[in-house]
PDB file of all heavy atoms in Angstrom:
ATOM      1  N   VAL A   1     149.555 187.269  54.873  1.00  0.00           N
ATOM      2  CA  VAL A   1     150.484 187.106  53.754  1.00  0.00           C
ATOM      3  C   VAL A   1     149.731 186.684  52.499  1.00  0.00           C
ATOM      4  O   VAL A   1     150.033 187.142  51.392  1.00  0.00           O
ATOM      5  CB  VAL A   1     151.607 186.106  54.084  1.00  0.00           C
ATOM      6  CG1 VAL A   1     152.542 185.955  52.893  1.00  0.00           C
ATOM      7  CG2 VAL A   1     152.403 186.552  55.296  1.00  0.00           C
ATOM      8  N   ALA A   2     148.755 185.811  52.656  1.00  0.00           N
ATOM      9  CA  ALA A   2     147.966 185.385  51.492  1.00  0.00           C
ATOM     10  C   ALA A   2     147.270 186.582  50.845  1.00  0.00           C
ATOM     11  O   ALA A   2     147.274 186.727  49.615  1.00  0.00           O
ATOM     12  CB  ALA A   2     146.943 184.331  51.905  1.00  0.00           C
ATOM     13  N   ARG A   3     146.692 187.434  51.657  1.00  0.00           N
ATOM     14  CA  ARG A   3     146.028 188.616  51.118  1.00  0.00           C
ATOM     15  C   ARG A   3     147.023 189.603  50.510  1.00  0.00           C
ATOM     16  O   ARG A   3     146.737 190.246  49.488  1.00  0.00           O
ATOM     17  CB  ARG A   3     145.213 189.294  52.217  1.00  0.00           C
ATOM     18  CG  ARG A   3     143.986 188.486  52.648  1.00  0.00           C
ATOM     19  CD  ARG A   3     143.280 189.117  53.826  1.00  0.00           C
ATOM     20  NE  ARG A   3     142.057 188.395  54.164  1.00  0.00           N
ATOM     21  CZ  ARG A   3     141.346 188.610  55.281  1.00  0.00           C
ATOM     22  NH1 ARG A   3     141.754 189.536  56.152  1.00  0.00           N
ATOM     23  NH2 ARG A   3     140.251 187.916  55.507  1.00  0.00           N
ATOM     24  N   ALA A   4     148.193 189.721  51.116  1.00  0.00           N
ATOM     25  CA  ALA A   4     149.231 190.598  50.568  1.00  0.00           C
ATOM     26  C   ALA A   4     149.708 190.090  49.214  1.00  0.00           C
ATOM     27  O   ALA A   4     149.945 190.873  48.288  1.00  0.00           O
ATOM     28  CB  ALA A   4     150.404 190.698  51.543  1.00  0.00           C
ATOM     29  N   ALA A   5     149.864 188.773  49.088  1.00  0.00           N
ATOM     30  CA  ALA A   5     150.266 188.188  47.806  1.00  0.00           C
ATOM     31  C   ALA A   5     149.188 188.414  46.753  1.00  0.00           C
ATOM     32  O   ALA A   5     149.496 188.718  45.592  1.00  0.00           O
ATOM     33  CB  ALA A   5     150.536 186.695  47.975  1.00  0.00           C
ATOM     34  N   GLU A   6     147.931 188.282  47.143  1.00  0.00           N
ATOM     35  CA  GLU A   6     146.843 188.515  46.195  1.00  0.00           C
ATOM     36  C   GLU A   6     146.850 189.963  45.718  1.00  0.00           C
ATOM     37  O   GLU A   6     146.653 190.238  44.527  1.00  0.00           O
ATOM     38  CB  GLU A   6     145.508 188.172  46.835  1.00  0.00           C
ATOM     39  CG  GLU A   6     144.332 188.281  45.885  1.00  0.00           C
ATOM     40  CD  GLU A   6     143.032 187.814  46.486  1.00  0.00           C
ATOM     41  OE1 GLU A   6     142.941 187.724  47.744  1.00  0.00           O
ATOM     42  OE2 GLU A   6     142.091 187.536  45.718  1.00  0.00           O
ATOM     43  N   ALA A   7     147.109 190.899  46.633  1.00  0.00           N
ATOM     44  CA  ALA A   7     147.182 192.308  46.257  1.00  0.00           C
ATOM     45  C   ALA A   7     148.337 192.571  45.297  1.00  0.00           C
ATOM     46  O   ALA A   7     148.267 193.477  44.458  1.00  0.00           O
ATOM     47  CB  ALA A   7     147.333 193.178  47.507  1.00  0.00           C
ATOM     48  N   ALA A   8     149.398 191.757  45.424  1.00  0.00           N
ATOM     49  CA  ALA A   8     150.557 191.884  44.531  1.00  0.00           C
ATOM     50  C   ALA A   8     150.399 191.056  43.267  1.00  0.00           C
ATOM     51  O   ALA A   8     151.316 191.003  42.438  1.00  0.00           O
ATOM     52  CB  ALA A   8     151.831 191.462  45.265  1.00  0.00           C
ATOM     53  N   ASP A   9     149.255 190.398  43.104  1.00  0.00           N
ATOM     54  CA  ASP A   9     148.940 189.601  41.911  1.00  0.00           C
ATOM     55  C   ASP A   9     149.923 188.457  41.728  1.00  0.00           C
ATOM     56  O   ASP A   9     150.412 188.209  40.624  1.00  0.00           O
ATOM     57  CB  ASP A   9     148.912 190.491  40.663  1.00  0.00           C
ATOM     58  CG  ASP A   9     148.262 189.788  39.468  1.00  0.00           C
ATOM     59  OD1 ASP A   9     147.393 188.935  39.688  1.00  0.00           O
ATOM     60  OD2 ASP A   9     148.644 190.093  38.317  1.00  0.00           O
ATOM     61  N   ARG A  10     150.197 187.754  42.817  1.00  0.00           N
ATOM     62  CA  ARG A  10     151.069 186.590  42.761  1.00  0.00           C
ATOM     63  C   ARG A  10     150.427 185.418  43.494  1.00  0.00           C
ATOM     64  O   ARG A  10     149.798 185.596  44.527  1.00  0.00           O
ATOM     65  CB  ARG A  10     152.441 186.888  43.392  1.00  0.00           C
ATOM     66  CG  ARG A  10     153.317 187.823  42.579  1.00  0.00           C
ATOM     67  CD  ARG A  10     153.710 187.199  41.247  1.00  0.00           C
ATOM     68  NE  ARG A  10     154.594 188.042  40.470  1.00  0.00           N
ATOM     69  CZ  ARG A  10     154.188 188.998  39.636  1.00  0.00           C
ATOM     70  NH1 ARG A  10     152.898 189.243  39.497  1.00  0.00           N
ATOM     71  NH2 ARG A  10     155.055 189.706  38.941  1.00  0.00           N
ATOM     72  N   PRO A  11     150.596 184.201  42.965  1.00  0.00           N
ATOM     73  CA  PRO A  11     150.165 183.029  43.733  1.00  0.00           C
ATOM     74  C   PRO A  11     151.007 182.916  44.993  1.00  0.00           C
ATOM     75  O   PRO A  11     152.117 183.463  45.065  1.00  0.00           O
ATOM     76  CB  PRO A  11     150.417 181.866  42.771  1.00  0.00           C
ATOM     77  CG  PRO A  11     151.451 182.358  41.821  1.00  0.00           C
ATOM     78  CD  PRO A  11     151.241 183.836  41.693  1.00  0.00           C
ATOM     79  N   VAL A  12     150.488 182.210  45.982  1.00  0.00           N
ATOM     80  CA  VAL A  12     151.193 182.120  47.257  1.00  0.00           C
ATOM     81  C   VAL A  12     151.110 180.703  47.812  1.00  0.00           C
ATOM     82  O   VAL A  12     150.108 180.013  47.653  1.00  0.00           O
ATOM     83  CB  VAL A  12     150.617 183.132  48.285  1.00  0.00           C
ATOM     84  CG1 VAL A  12     149.166 182.799  48.630  1.00  0.00           C
ATOM     85  CG2 VAL A  12     151.466 183.211  49.545  1.00  0.00           C
ATOM     86  N   ALA A  13     152.211 180.275  48.434  1.00  0.00           N
ATOM     87  CA  ALA A  13     152.241 179.042  49.224  1.00  0.00           C
ATOM     88  C   ALA A  13     152.360 179.439  50.684  1.00  0.00           C
ATOM     89  O   ALA A  13     153.149 180.321  51.027  1.00  0.00           O
ATOM     90  CB  ALA A  13     153.419 178.169  48.819  1.00  0.00           C
ATOM     91  N   ILE A  14     151.577 178.805  51.530  1.00  0.00           N
ATOM     92  CA  ILE A  14     151.605 179.072  52.970  1.00  0.00           C
ATOM     93  C   ILE A  14     152.207 177.869  53.669  1.00  0.00           C
ATOM     94  O   ILE A  14     151.678 176.756  53.574  1.00  0.00           O
ATOM     95  CB  ILE A  14     150.190 179.324  53.528  1.00  0.00           C
ATOM     96  CG1 ILE A  14     149.523 180.506  52.823  1.00  0.00           C
ATOM     97  CG2 ILE A  14     150.246 179.525  55.033  1.00  0.00           C
ATOM     98  CD1 ILE A  14     150.191 181.841  53.081  1.00  0.00           C
ATOM     99  N   SER A  15     153.315 178.088  54.374  1.00  0.00           N
ATOM    100  CA  SER A  15     153.991 176.993  55.069  1.00  0.00           C
ATOM    101  C   SER A  15     153.935 177.226  56.572  1.00  0.00           C
ATOM    102  O   SER A  15     154.446 178.226  57.080  1.00  0.00           O
ATOM    103  CB  SER A  15     155.446 176.885  54.604  1.00  0.00           C
ATOM    104  OG  SER A  15     156.045 175.716  55.127  1.00  0.00           O
ATOM    105  N   PHE A  16     153.304 176.298  57.275  1.00  0.00           N
ATOM    106  CA  PHE A  16     153.194 176.393  58.725  1.00  0.00           C
ATOM    107  C   PHE A  16     154.328 175.642  59.401  1.00  0.00           C
ATOM    108  O   PHE A  16     154.782 174.599  58.923  1.00  0.00           O
ATOM    109  CB  PHE A  16     151.866 175.803  59.201  1.00  0.00           C
ATOM    110  CG  PHE A  16     150.670 176.656  58.909  1.00  0.00           C
ATOM    111  CD1 PHE A  16     149.694 176.223  58.018  1.00  0.00           C
ATOM    112  CD2 PHE A  16     150.502 177.883  59.539  1.00  0.00           C
ATOM    113  CE1 PHE A  16     148.578 176.996  57.759  1.00  0.00           C
ATOM    114  CE2 PHE A  16     149.395 178.669  59.279  1.00  0.00           C
ATOM    115  CZ  PHE A  16     148.432 178.233  58.387  1.00  0.00           C
ATOM    116  N   THR A  17     154.769 176.162  60.536  1.00  0.00           N
ATOM    117  CA  THR A  17     155.657 175.414  61.413  1.00  0.00           C
ATOM    118  C   THR A  17     154.813 174.845  62.545  1.00  0.00           C
ATOM    119  O   THR A  17     153.822 175.450  62.955  1.00  0.00           O
ATOM    120  CB  THR A  17     156.774 176.303  61.983  1.00  0.00           C
ATOM    121  OG1 THR A  17     157.677 175.512  62.752  1.00  0.00           O
ATOM    122  CG2 THR A  17     156.235 177.418  62.857  1.00  0.00           C
ATOM    123  N   VAL A  18     155.171 173.661  63.007  1.00  0.00           N
ATOM    124  CA  VAL A  18     154.421 173.022  64.088  1.00  0.00           C
ATOM    125  C   VAL A  18     155.390 172.590  65.189  1.00  0.00           C
ATOM    126  O   VAL A  18     156.592 172.446  64.976  1.00  0.00           O
ATOM    127  CB  VAL A  18     153.610 171.808  63.589  1.00  0.00           C
ATOM    128  CG1 VAL A  18     152.548 172.252  62.593  1.00  0.00           C
ATOM    129  CG2 VAL A  18     154.513 170.739  62.984  1.00  0.00           C
ATOM    130  N   GLU A  19     154.823 172.385  66.363  1.00  0.00           N
ATOM    131  CA  GLU A  19     155.600 171.920  67.507  1.00  0.00           C
ATOM    132  C   GLU A  19     155.684 170.387  67.489  1.00  0.00           C
ATOM    133  O   GLU A  19     155.180 169.737  66.569  1.00  0.00           O
ATOM    134  CB  GLU A  19     154.950 172.421  68.803  1.00  0.00           C
ATOM    135  CG  GLU A  19     154.840 173.935  68.903  1.00  0.00           C
ATOM    136  CD  GLU A  19     156.188 174.629  69.016  1.00  0.00           C
ATOM    137  OE1 GLU A  19     157.206 173.942  69.315  1.00  0.00           O
ATOM    138  OE2 GLU A  19     156.244 175.850  68.797  1.00  0.00           O
ATOM    139  N   THR A  20     156.270 169.810  68.523  1.00  0.00           N
ATOM    140  CA  THR A  20     156.462 168.356  68.560  1.00  0.00           C
ATOM    141  C   THR A  20     155.140 167.599  68.624  1.00  0.00           C
ATOM    142  O   THR A  20     155.098 166.403  68.319  1.00  0.00           O
ATOM    143  CB  THR A  20     157.339 167.950  69.752  1.00  0.00           C
ATOM    144  OG1 THR A  20     156.756 168.461  70.958  1.00  0.00           O
ATOM    145  CG2 THR A  20     158.751 168.502  69.602  1.00  0.00           C
ATOM    146  N   ASP A  21     154.052 168.307  68.996  1.00  0.00           N
ATOM    147  CA  ASP A  21     152.737 167.663  69.037  1.00  0.00           C
ATOM    148  C   ASP A  21     151.968 167.834  67.731  1.00  0.00           C
ATOM    149  O   ASP A  21     150.802 167.436  67.636  1.00  0.00           O
ATOM    150  CB  ASP A  21     151.901 168.207  70.200  1.00  0.00           C
ATOM    151  CG  ASP A  21     151.624 169.709  70.098  1.00  0.00           C
ATOM    152  OD1 ASP A  21     152.081 170.344  69.123  1.00  0.00           O
ATOM    153  OD2 ASP A  21     150.965 170.252  71.009  1.00  0.00           O
ATOM    154  N   GLY A  22     152.612 168.393  66.724  1.00  0.00           N
ATOM    155  CA  GLY A  22     151.966 168.557  65.431  1.00  0.00           C
ATOM    156  C   GLY A  22     151.044 169.750  65.335  1.00  0.00           C
ATOM    157  O   GLY A  22     150.405 169.968  64.295  1.00  0.00           O
ATOM    158  N   ARG A  23     150.980 170.568  66.384  1.00  0.00           N
ATOM    159  CA  ARG A  23     150.129 171.758  66.379  1.00  0.00           C
ATOM    160  C   ARG A  23     150.953 173.018  66.183  1.00  0.00           C
ATOM    161  O   ARG A  23     152.147 173.049  66.491  1.00  0.00           O
ATOM    162  CB  ARG A  23     149.350 171.861  67.704  1.00  0.00           C
ATOM    163  CG  ARG A  23     148.301 170.776  67.859  1.00  0.00           C
ATOM    164  CD  ARG A  23     147.587 170.873  69.198  1.00  0.00           C
ATOM    165  NE  ARG A  23     146.471 169.919  69.253  1.00  0.00           N
ATOM    166  CZ  ARG A  23     145.236 170.198  68.892  1.00  0.00           C
ATOM    167  NH1 ARG A  23     144.920 171.433  68.491  1.00  0.00           N
ATOM    168  NH2 ARG A  23     144.289 169.275  68.948  1.00  0.00           N
ATOM    169  N   LEU A  24     150.320 174.061  65.671  1.00  0.00           N
ATOM    170  CA  LEU A  24     150.985 175.339  65.532  1.00  0.00           C
ATOM    171  C   LEU A  24     151.405 175.853  66.910  1.00  0.00           C
ATOM    172  O   LEU A  24     150.822 175.458  67.940  1.00  0.00           O
ATOM    173  CB  LEU A  24     150.054 176.362  64.878  1.00  0.00           C
ATOM    174  CG  LEU A  24     150.033 176.428  63.344  1.00  0.00           C
ATOM    175  CD1 LEU A  24     149.564 175.116  62.729  1.00  0.00           C
ATOM    176  CD2 LEU A  24     149.162 177.589  62.878  1.00  0.00           C
ATOM    177  N   PRO A  25     152.394 176.730  66.988  1.00  0.00           N
ATOM    178  CA  PRO A  25     152.784 177.290  68.287  1.00  0.00           C
ATOM    179  C   PRO A  25     151.638 177.965  69.030  1.00  0.00           C
ATOM    180  O   PRO A  25     151.666 178.067  70.260  1.00  0.00           O
ATOM    181  CB  PRO A  25     153.876 178.297  67.914  1.00  0.00           C
ATOM    182  CG  PRO A  25     154.492 177.721  66.681  1.00  0.00           C
ATOM    183  CD  PRO A  25     153.328 177.134  65.920  1.00  0.00           C
ATOM    184  N   THR A  26     150.620 178.415  68.291  1.00  0.00           N
ATOM    185  CA  THR A  26     149.447 179.022  68.933  1.00  0.00           C
ATOM    186  C   THR A  26     148.393 177.993  69.315  1.00  0.00           C
ATOM    187  O   THR A  26     147.335 178.351  69.822  1.00  0.00           O
ATOM    188  CB  THR A  26     148.827 180.076  68.002  1.00  0.00           C
ATOM    189  OG1 THR A  26     148.793 179.573  66.659  1.00  0.00           O
ATOM    190  CG2 THR A  26     149.630 181.364  68.036  1.00  0.00           C
ATOM    191  N   GLY A  27     148.658 176.717  69.052  1.00  0.00           N
ATOM    192  CA  GLY A  27     147.797 175.653  69.548  1.00  0.00           C
ATOM    193  C   GLY A  27     146.865 175.001  68.553  1.00  0.00           C
ATOM    194  O   GLY A  27     146.298 173.945  68.841  1.00  0.00           O
ATOM    195  N   GLU A  28     146.666 175.622  67.377  1.00  0.00           N
ATOM    196  CA  GLU A  28     145.737 175.041  66.405  1.00  0.00           C
ATOM    197  C   GLU A  28     146.290 173.759  65.796  1.00  0.00           C
ATOM    198  O   GLU A  28     147.490 173.645  65.560  1.00  0.00           O
ATOM    199  CB  GLU A  28     145.438 176.024  65.270  1.00  0.00           C
ATOM    200  CG  GLU A  28     144.719 177.284  65.665  1.00  0.00           C
ATOM    201  CD  GLU A  28     145.670 178.407  66.011  1.00  0.00           C
ATOM    202  OE1 GLU A  28     146.881 178.125  66.200  1.00  0.00           O
ATOM    203  OE2 GLU A  28     145.219 179.556  66.095  1.00  0.00           O
ATOM    204  N   ALA A  29     145.409 172.832  65.496  1.00  0.00           N
ATOM    205  CA  ALA A  29     145.785 171.659  64.716  1.00  0.00           C
ATOM    206  C   ALA A  29     146.089 172.105  63.292  1.00  0.00           C
ATOM    207  O   ALA A  29     145.508 173.087  62.797  1.00  0.00           O
ATOM    208  CB  ALA A  29     144.653 170.639  64.715  1.00  0.00           C
ATOM    209  N   LEU A  30     146.990 171.405  62.641  1.00  0.00           N
ATOM    210  CA  LEU A  30     147.357 171.763  61.272  1.00  0.00           C
ATOM    211  C   LEU A  30     146.137 171.770  60.356  1.00  0.00           C
ATOM    212  O   LEU A  30     145.966 172.672  59.527  1.00  0.00           O
ATOM    213  CB  LEU A  30     148.422 170.785  60.756  1.00  0.00           C
ATOM    214  CG  LEU A  30     149.006 171.052  59.373  1.00  0.00           C
ATOM    215  CD1 LEU A  30     149.661 172.423  59.303  1.00  0.00           C
ATOM    216  CD2 LEU A  30     150.007 169.957  59.015  1.00  0.00           C
ATOM    217  N   ALA A  31     145.278 170.788  60.511  1.00  0.00           N
ATOM    218  CA  ALA A  31     144.066 170.723  59.693  1.00  0.00           C
ATOM    219  C   ALA A  31     143.212 171.966  59.878  1.00  0.00           C
ATOM    220  O   ALA A  31     142.708 172.554  58.907  1.00  0.00           O
ATOM    221  CB  ALA A  31     143.263 169.478  60.048  1.00  0.00           C
ATOM    222  N   ASP A  32     143.039 172.404  61.120  1.00  0.00           N
ATOM    223  CA  ASP A  32     142.219 173.584  61.396  1.00  0.00           C
ATOM    224  C   ASP A  32     142.853 174.844  60.828  1.00  0.00           C
ATOM    225  O   ASP A  32     142.147 175.743  60.352  1.00  0.00           O
ATOM    226  CB  ASP A  32     142.007 173.738  62.904  1.00  0.00           C
ATOM    227  CG  ASP A  32     141.153 172.628  63.495  1.00  0.00           C
ATOM    228  OD1 ASP A  32     140.392 171.998  62.736  1.00  0.00           O
ATOM    229  OD2 ASP A  32     141.262 172.378  64.713  1.00  0.00           O
ATOM    230  N   ALA A  33     144.182 174.923  60.870  1.00  0.00           N
ATOM    231  CA  ALA A  33     144.872 176.097  60.338  1.00  0.00           C
ATOM    232  C   ALA A  33     144.688 176.198  58.825  1.00  0.00           C
ATOM    233  O   ALA A  33     144.412 177.287  58.292  1.00  0.00           O
ATOM    234  CB  ALA A  33     146.357 176.034  60.682  1.00  0.00           C
ATOM    235  N   VAL A  34     144.846 175.088  58.132  1.00  0.00           N
ATOM    236  CA  VAL A  34     144.660 175.077  56.676  1.00  0.00           C
ATOM    237  C   VAL A  34     143.237 175.495  56.332  1.00  0.00           C
ATOM    238  O   VAL A  34     142.997 176.351  55.470  1.00  0.00           O
ATOM    239  CB  VAL A  34     144.996 173.695  56.094  1.00  0.00           C
ATOM    240  CG1 VAL A  34     144.559 173.601  54.631  1.00  0.00           C
ATOM    241  CG2 VAL A  34     146.485 173.411  56.224  1.00  0.00           C
ATOM    242  N   ARG A  35     142.272 174.906  57.015  1.00  0.00           N
ATOM    243  CA  ARG A  35     140.870 175.219  56.732  1.00  0.00           C
ATOM    244  C   ARG A  35     140.569 176.691  57.022  1.00  0.00           C
ATOM    245  O   ARG A  35     139.813 177.338  56.277  1.00  0.00           O
ATOM    246  CB  ARG A  35     139.965 174.321  57.571  1.00  0.00           C
ATOM    247  CG  ARG A  35     140.008 172.838  57.192  1.00  0.00           C
ATOM    248  CD  ARG A  35     139.006 172.060  58.023  1.00  0.00           C
ATOM    249  NE  ARG A  35     139.106 170.614  57.801  1.00  0.00           N
ATOM    250  CZ  ARG A  35     139.397 169.727  58.750  1.00  0.00           C
ATOM    251  NH1 ARG A  35     139.629 170.141  59.989  1.00  0.00           N
ATOM    252  NH2 ARG A  35     139.458 168.432  58.476  1.00  0.00           N
ATOM    253  N   ALA A  36     141.136 177.228  58.095  1.00  0.00           N
ATOM    254  CA  ALA A  36     140.857 178.615  58.470  1.00  0.00           C
ATOM    255  C   ALA A  36     141.402 179.589  57.438  1.00  0.00           C
ATOM    256  O   ALA A  36     140.741 180.577  57.088  1.00  0.00           O
ATOM    257  CB  ALA A  36     141.445 178.912  59.854  1.00  0.00           C
ATOM    258  N   VAL A  37     142.610 179.348  56.959  1.00  0.00           N
ATOM    259  CA  VAL A  37     143.177 180.229  55.939  1.00  0.00           C
ATOM    260  C   VAL A  37     142.363 180.157  54.655  1.00  0.00           C
ATOM    261  O   VAL A  37     142.050 181.176  54.025  1.00  0.00           O
ATOM    262  CB  VAL A  37     144.655 179.890  55.671  1.00  0.00           C
ATOM    263  CG1 VAL A  37     145.199 180.707  54.504  1.00  0.00           C
ATOM    264  CG2 VAL A  37     145.499 180.141  56.918  1.00  0.00           C
ATOM    265  N   ASP A  38     142.002 178.958  54.252  1.00  0.00           N
ATOM    266  CA  ASP A  38     141.181 178.807  53.047  1.00  0.00           C
ATOM    267  C   ASP A  38     139.845 179.529  53.194  1.00  0.00           C
ATOM    268  O   ASP A  38     139.377 180.210  52.271  1.00  0.00           O
ATOM    269  CB  ASP A  38     140.956 177.329  52.738  1.00  0.00           C
ATOM    270  CG  ASP A  38     142.003 176.749  51.792  1.00  0.00           C
ATOM    271  OD1 ASP A  38     142.764 177.535  51.192  1.00  0.00           O
ATOM    272  OD2 ASP A  38     142.049 175.516  51.653  1.00  0.00           O
ATOM    273  N   ALA A  39     139.230 179.404  54.367  1.00  0.00           N
ATOM    274  CA  ALA A  39     137.933 180.034  54.579  1.00  0.00           C
ATOM    275  C   ALA A  39     138.032 181.558  54.532  1.00  0.00           C
ATOM    276  O   ALA A  39     137.147 182.233  53.995  1.00  0.00           O
ATOM    277  CB  ALA A  39     137.352 179.589  55.920  1.00  0.00           C
ATOM    278  N   ALA A  40     139.120 182.100  55.064  1.00  0.00           N
ATOM    279  CA  ALA A  40     139.276 183.558  55.135  1.00  0.00           C
ATOM    280  C   ALA A  40     139.737 184.172  53.825  1.00  0.00           C
ATOM    281  O   ALA A  40     139.604 185.386  53.628  1.00  0.00           O
ATOM    282  CB  ALA A  40     140.266 183.910  56.246  1.00  0.00           C
ATOM    283  N   THR A  41     140.292 183.363  52.929  1.00  0.00           N
ATOM    284  CA  THR A  41     140.873 183.906  51.688  1.00  0.00           C
ATOM    285  C   THR A  41     140.211 183.356  50.436  1.00  0.00           C
ATOM    286  O   THR A  41     140.727 183.545  49.334  1.00  0.00           O
ATOM    287  CB  THR A  41     142.377 183.586  51.617  1.00  0.00           C
ATOM    288  OG1 THR A  41     142.554 182.156  51.558  1.00  0.00           O
ATOM    289  CG2 THR A  41     143.128 184.152  52.812  1.00  0.00           C
ATOM    290  N   ASP A  42     139.082 182.684  50.605  1.00  0.00           N
ATOM    291  CA  ASP A  42     138.399 182.056  49.475  1.00  0.00           C
ATOM    292  C   ASP A  42     139.345 181.106  48.743  1.00  0.00           C
ATOM    293  O   ASP A  42     139.413 181.085  47.509  1.00  0.00           O
ATOM    294  CB  ASP A  42     137.840 183.116  48.514  1.00  0.00           C
ATOM    295  CG  ASP A  42     136.818 182.551  47.535  1.00  0.00           C
ATOM    296  OD1 ASP A  42     136.217 181.501  47.847  1.00  0.00           O
ATOM    297  OD2 ASP A  42     136.625 183.146  46.452  1.00  0.00           O
TER     298      ASP A  42
END
């Protein structure tokens, strides 16, 4: 979505949902998810 927004020339906010343990449904910690998106999208 971040890359799609960039292609559309719009700023983007990324909002994650987390489970009761504070991790994404796929298991990543919120901190790791934020860092991974930033790393992949400059």
